Protein backbone atom coordinates (compact mmCIF):
# COMPACT_ATOMS: atom_id res chain seq x y z
CA MET A 1 0.38 0.14 -0.30
CA GLY A 2 1.11 3.56 -0.72
CA GLN A 3 1.60 6.74 1.53
CA PRO A 4 -1.59 8.29 2.56
CA ALA A 5 -1.21 11.76 0.50
CA LYS A 6 -0.19 15.02 1.90
CA PRO A 7 -3.00 17.41 2.61
CA PRO A 8 -2.30 20.51 0.00
CA PRO A 9 -0.79 23.65 2.17
CA LEU A 10 -3.02 25.89 3.95
CA THR A 11 -3.71 29.24 2.30
CA PHE A 12 -2.60 32.71 3.88
CA PHE A 13 -5.95 33.19 4.60
CA GLN A 14 -6.84 30.05 5.52
CA ILE A 15 -4.41 30.31 8.43
CA VAL A 16 -5.36 33.47 9.21
CA PHE A 17 -8.51 32.41 9.89
CA SER A 18 -8.37 29.42 11.15
CA GLY A 19 -9.08 29.88 15.16
CA GLY A 20 -12.51 29.15 14.62
CA PRO A 21 -15.52 32.31 15.55
CA LEU A 22 -13.34 34.05 18.32
CA GLY A 23 -9.90 33.90 16.32
CA ILE A 24 -11.62 35.54 13.69
CA ALA A 25 -13.56 38.13 15.54
CA ASN A 26 -9.89 38.90 16.89
CA MET A 27 -8.39 39.16 13.32
CA VAL A 28 -11.32 41.34 12.12
CA VAL A 29 -10.15 43.72 15.44
CA LEU A 30 -6.28 43.61 14.49
CA ILE A 31 -7.13 44.33 10.39
CA ALA A 32 -9.04 47.07 11.85
CA LEU A 33 -6.12 48.02 13.65
CA SER A 34 -3.61 47.46 11.09
CA ILE A 35 -5.57 50.04 8.23
CA ALA A 36 -6.02 52.17 11.13
CA ALA A 37 -2.03 52.52 11.63
CA LEU A 38 -1.37 53.20 7.65
CA ALA A 39 -4.20 55.44 7.79
CA LEU A 40 -2.39 56.83 10.41
CA THR A 41 1.24 57.11 9.54
CA LEU A 42 0.48 58.50 6.11
CA ASP A 43 -1.26 60.91 7.46
CA ASN A 44 1.41 62.29 9.72
CA ILE A 45 4.25 61.61 6.99
CA ARG A 46 1.53 64.24 5.21
CA VAL A 47 1.60 66.69 7.97
CA VAL A 48 4.96 66.67 9.67
CA ARG A 49 6.41 68.11 7.04
CA LYS A 50 8.94 71.11 7.29
CA ALA A 51 7.28 72.99 4.65
CA ALA A 52 3.46 72.27 6.46
CA ILE A 53 5.33 73.18 9.56
CA ILE A 54 7.58 76.00 9.02
CA PRO A 55 6.28 77.86 5.61
CA PRO A 56 9.39 79.03 3.45
CA GLU A 57 9.40 82.49 3.39
CA LEU A 58 7.10 83.53 6.21
CA GLY A 59 9.44 84.14 8.92
CA ALA A 60 11.90 86.30 6.79
CA GLU A 61 8.80 88.23 5.78
CA VAL A 62 7.13 88.55 8.95
CA HIS A 63 10.95 89.47 10.16
CA ASP A 64 10.98 92.39 7.41
CA LEU A 65 7.58 93.45 8.33
CA VAL A 66 8.07 94.14 11.70
CA ALA A 67 11.24 96.16 11.54
CA VAL A 68 9.43 99.18 10.09
CA GLY A 69 6.70 99.08 12.48
CA GLU A 70 4.43 97.17 9.72
CA LEU A 71 2.86 94.23 12.79
CA PRO A 72 -1.27 94.50 11.13
CA ARG A 73 0.62 93.65 7.92
CA ALA A 74 2.97 91.04 9.83
CA ALA A 75 -0.06 89.79 11.56
CA ASP A 76 -2.03 89.35 8.04
CA ALA A 77 0.78 87.95 6.07
CA ALA A 78 1.21 84.93 9.05
CA LYS A 79 -2.59 84.42 9.25
CA ALA A 80 -2.62 83.72 5.19
CA GLN A 81 -0.20 80.76 5.53
CA PRO A 82 -1.95 78.82 8.48
CA SER A 83 0.93 76.89 10.19
CA PHE A 84 2.78 76.14 13.34
CA LEU A 85 4.97 79.00 12.69
CA ALA A 86 2.03 81.38 12.04
CA ALA A 87 0.58 80.43 15.26
CA VAL A 88 3.35 81.39 16.98
CA LEU A 89 3.81 84.58 15.41
CA LEU A 90 0.56 85.49 15.55
CA HIS A 91 0.40 85.12 19.71
CA GLY A 92 4.02 86.94 19.94
CA LEU A 93 2.06 89.70 17.86
CA ALA A 94 -0.88 89.95 19.95
CA GLU A 95 1.13 90.74 22.75
CA ALA A 96 3.37 93.03 21.34
CA GLY A 97 2.15 96.32 23.18
CA GLY A 98 3.18 95.04 26.44
CA GLY A 99 6.76 94.72 25.85
CA TRP A 100 9.30 92.15 24.78
CA THR A 101 9.30 89.84 27.64
CA ASP A 102 4.67 89.58 27.13
CA VAL A 103 5.69 88.53 23.24
CA GLU A 104 8.03 85.92 24.40
CA LYS A 105 6.33 84.36 26.85
CA ALA A 106 2.95 84.28 24.41
CA MET A 107 5.56 82.62 21.88
CA GLU A 108 6.61 80.01 24.31
CA ASP A 109 3.09 79.45 25.21
CA ALA A 110 1.85 78.87 21.97
CA THR A 111 5.10 76.85 20.91
CA ALA A 112 3.84 74.23 23.72
CA GLU A 113 0.39 74.42 22.90
CA GLN A 114 0.88 73.70 18.91
CA ALA A 115 3.49 71.27 19.92
CA ALA A 116 0.93 69.09 22.18
CA ARG A 117 -1.25 68.98 19.13
CA LEU A 118 1.29 67.66 16.94
CA PHE A 119 2.49 64.80 19.68
CA ARG A 120 -1.59 63.81 20.05
CA ARG A 121 -1.75 62.83 16.36
CA ILE A 122 1.00 60.87 16.54
CA GLU A 123 0.21 59.38 19.86
CA TYR A 124 -2.14 56.80 18.19
CA LEU A 125 0.59 55.05 16.49
CA SER A 126 1.96 54.46 20.07
CA VAL A 127 -1.46 53.28 21.46
CA ILE A 128 -2.15 51.14 18.58
CA GLY A 129 1.41 49.80 19.21
CA ASN A 130 0.53 48.62 22.31
CA ILE A 131 -3.54 47.46 21.95
CA ALA A 132 -2.36 45.34 18.83
CA PRO A 133 -0.27 42.53 21.06
CA MET A 134 -2.75 42.43 23.54
CA VAL A 135 -5.53 41.63 21.37
CA GLY A 136 -3.50 39.14 19.46
CA LEU A 137 -2.92 37.29 23.15
CA LEU A 138 -6.26 37.45 23.84
CA GLY A 139 -6.96 35.71 21.04
CA THR A 140 -4.00 33.11 21.61
CA VAL A 141 -5.42 32.62 24.82
CA THR A 142 -8.73 31.57 23.59
CA GLY A 143 -7.84 29.51 21.00
CA MET A 144 -5.69 27.61 23.38
CA LEU A 145 -8.55 27.33 26.18
CA LEU A 146 -10.79 25.96 23.50
CA ALA A 147 -8.14 23.44 22.30
CA PHE A 148 -7.10 22.30 26.12
CA LYS A 149 -11.32 22.04 25.99
CA GLN A 150 -11.30 19.35 23.41
CA VAL A 151 -8.48 17.28 25.02
CA ALA A 152 -10.73 17.32 28.12
CA ASP A 153 -14.29 16.52 26.49
CA THR A 154 -12.70 13.77 24.25
CA GLU A 155 -11.12 12.35 28.09
CA GLY A 156 -7.69 12.57 26.80
CA THR A 157 -8.10 10.76 23.73
CA ALA A 158 -7.66 13.54 21.30
CA GLY A 159 -4.18 12.74 19.69
CA ALA A 160 -1.08 15.06 19.78
CA ALA A 161 -1.60 15.94 16.58
CA GLN A 162 -4.80 17.17 16.99
CA LEU A 163 -3.84 19.52 20.44
CA ALA A 164 -0.89 20.97 18.48
CA ASP A 165 -2.96 21.99 15.57
CA GLY A 166 -5.50 23.98 17.95
CA ILE A 167 -2.61 25.84 19.45
CA TYR A 168 -1.15 26.55 15.89
CA GLN A 169 -4.01 27.90 14.92
CA ALA A 170 -4.42 30.11 18.40
CA LEU A 171 -0.90 31.09 18.33
CA VAL A 172 -1.76 32.95 14.85
CA THR A 173 -3.10 35.97 16.18
CA THR A 174 -0.30 36.77 18.80
CA VAL A 175 2.27 37.12 15.40
CA VAL A 176 -0.18 38.93 13.74
CA GLY A 177 -0.49 41.50 16.37
CA LEU A 178 3.37 42.00 16.88
CA ILE A 179 3.72 42.18 12.69
CA ILE A 180 1.09 45.54 13.72
CA ALA A 181 2.42 46.60 16.63
CA ILE A 182 6.37 46.89 15.68
CA PRO A 183 6.17 48.91 12.42
CA SER A 184 3.28 51.38 14.55
CA LEU A 185 5.61 51.89 17.35
CA GLY A 186 8.58 52.20 14.68
CA ALA A 187 6.78 54.70 13.19
CA PHE A 188 6.06 56.71 16.29
CA ALA A 189 9.40 56.80 17.17
CA LEU A 190 10.37 58.14 14.16
CA LEU A 191 8.04 60.99 13.94
CA ARG A 192 8.12 61.79 17.50
CA SER A 193 11.80 62.83 16.73
CA ARG A 194 10.77 64.52 13.74
CA VAL A 195 8.14 66.61 15.43
CA ASP A 196 10.82 67.48 17.89
CA GLN A 197 13.29 68.65 15.41
CA LEU A 198 10.79 70.69 13.49
CA VAL A 199 9.51 72.08 16.23
CA ALA A 200 12.52 73.47 17.60
CA GLU A 201 13.45 74.99 14.59
CA ALA A 202 9.99 76.57 14.30
CA ALA A 203 10.65 78.19 17.79
CA TYR A 204 14.07 79.72 16.59
CA ALA A 205 12.41 81.04 13.62
CA ALA A 206 9.76 82.87 15.34
CA LEU A 207 12.32 84.63 17.69
CA HIS A 208 14.06 85.58 14.84
CA ALA A 209 11.04 86.84 12.81
CA LEU A 210 10.00 88.82 16.00
CA SER A 211 13.55 90.35 17.21
CA PRO A 212 13.20 93.64 15.79
CA LEU A 213 10.45 94.22 18.93
CA LYS A 214 13.12 93.42 20.91
CA ARG A 215 15.42 96.25 20.07
CA ARG A 216 12.18 98.40 19.90
CA THR A 217 11.56 97.41 23.32
CA ASN A 218 15.20 97.70 24.43
CA ALA A 219 15.23 101.40 23.15
CA SER A 220 12.14 102.42 23.80
CA PRO A 221 13.24 103.90 27.45
CA ALA A 222 15.66 106.11 26.24
CA GLU A 223 13.42 107.78 23.49
CA PRO A 224 15.61 110.01 20.82
CA GLY A 225 14.72 113.86 20.90
CA SER A 226 13.79 113.06 24.92
CA PRO A 227 15.34 116.05 27.20
CA PRO A 228 17.70 115.09 29.99
CA PRO A 229 16.99 114.49 33.31
CA PRO A 230 17.43 118.01 35.86
CA PRO A 231 21.28 117.57 37.48
CA VAL A 232 20.51 116.30 41.31
CA ALA A 233 22.13 118.89 43.33
CA LEU A 234 24.23 117.56 46.22
CA LYS A 235 24.08 118.77 49.80
CA PRO A 236 27.54 120.11 51.06
CA SER A 237 29.72 118.13 53.29
CA LYS A 238 29.73 119.19 56.61
């Protein structure tokens, strides 16, 4: 007699959806997480760009307008190019009447606010990277419970091949969860580093653009043409 024919190898979809109803439910959740992670990564790559956060020539244009005292026109120039840098400049220009200290404080607050918004956008990738392995582990645990329940129901007559097949199917969700988590966390780390770099560059560009206000504030106490203070009469010493 010839050897029994080997069963055909499982296809990709048969492997992925071989965990029974609970395994399929876990796989649906993991697929949704993978789609969300891909969409978030592409969207953040579009947003976290130097041209989008620090529009070219905006800082130089505002610097030139502020230098000649055209603060309203400088504010209009910033409003015409909505961005991280424009928001920081607008907050600084709004406090121009209060002196350089108020301008600097307003820009620091605006920088922190805008940076927090960018970090919140990429934080979802970290959330997905941490949730995906947990969902995969849940699928593995439930699959192994069902496999051992089968052994218990058959009073130990289930063969090692049947038990191994159940465990193999259960481990698929953990593998898929890790496949989703590793790229998600990697993209989060790269985008976070990029955001840190661009935030620092935007803060420097904003300070440089409004630096004429600092020079004007420092020169304001000694305005040209003001009469000198009267001399103080000294009392003769006894």
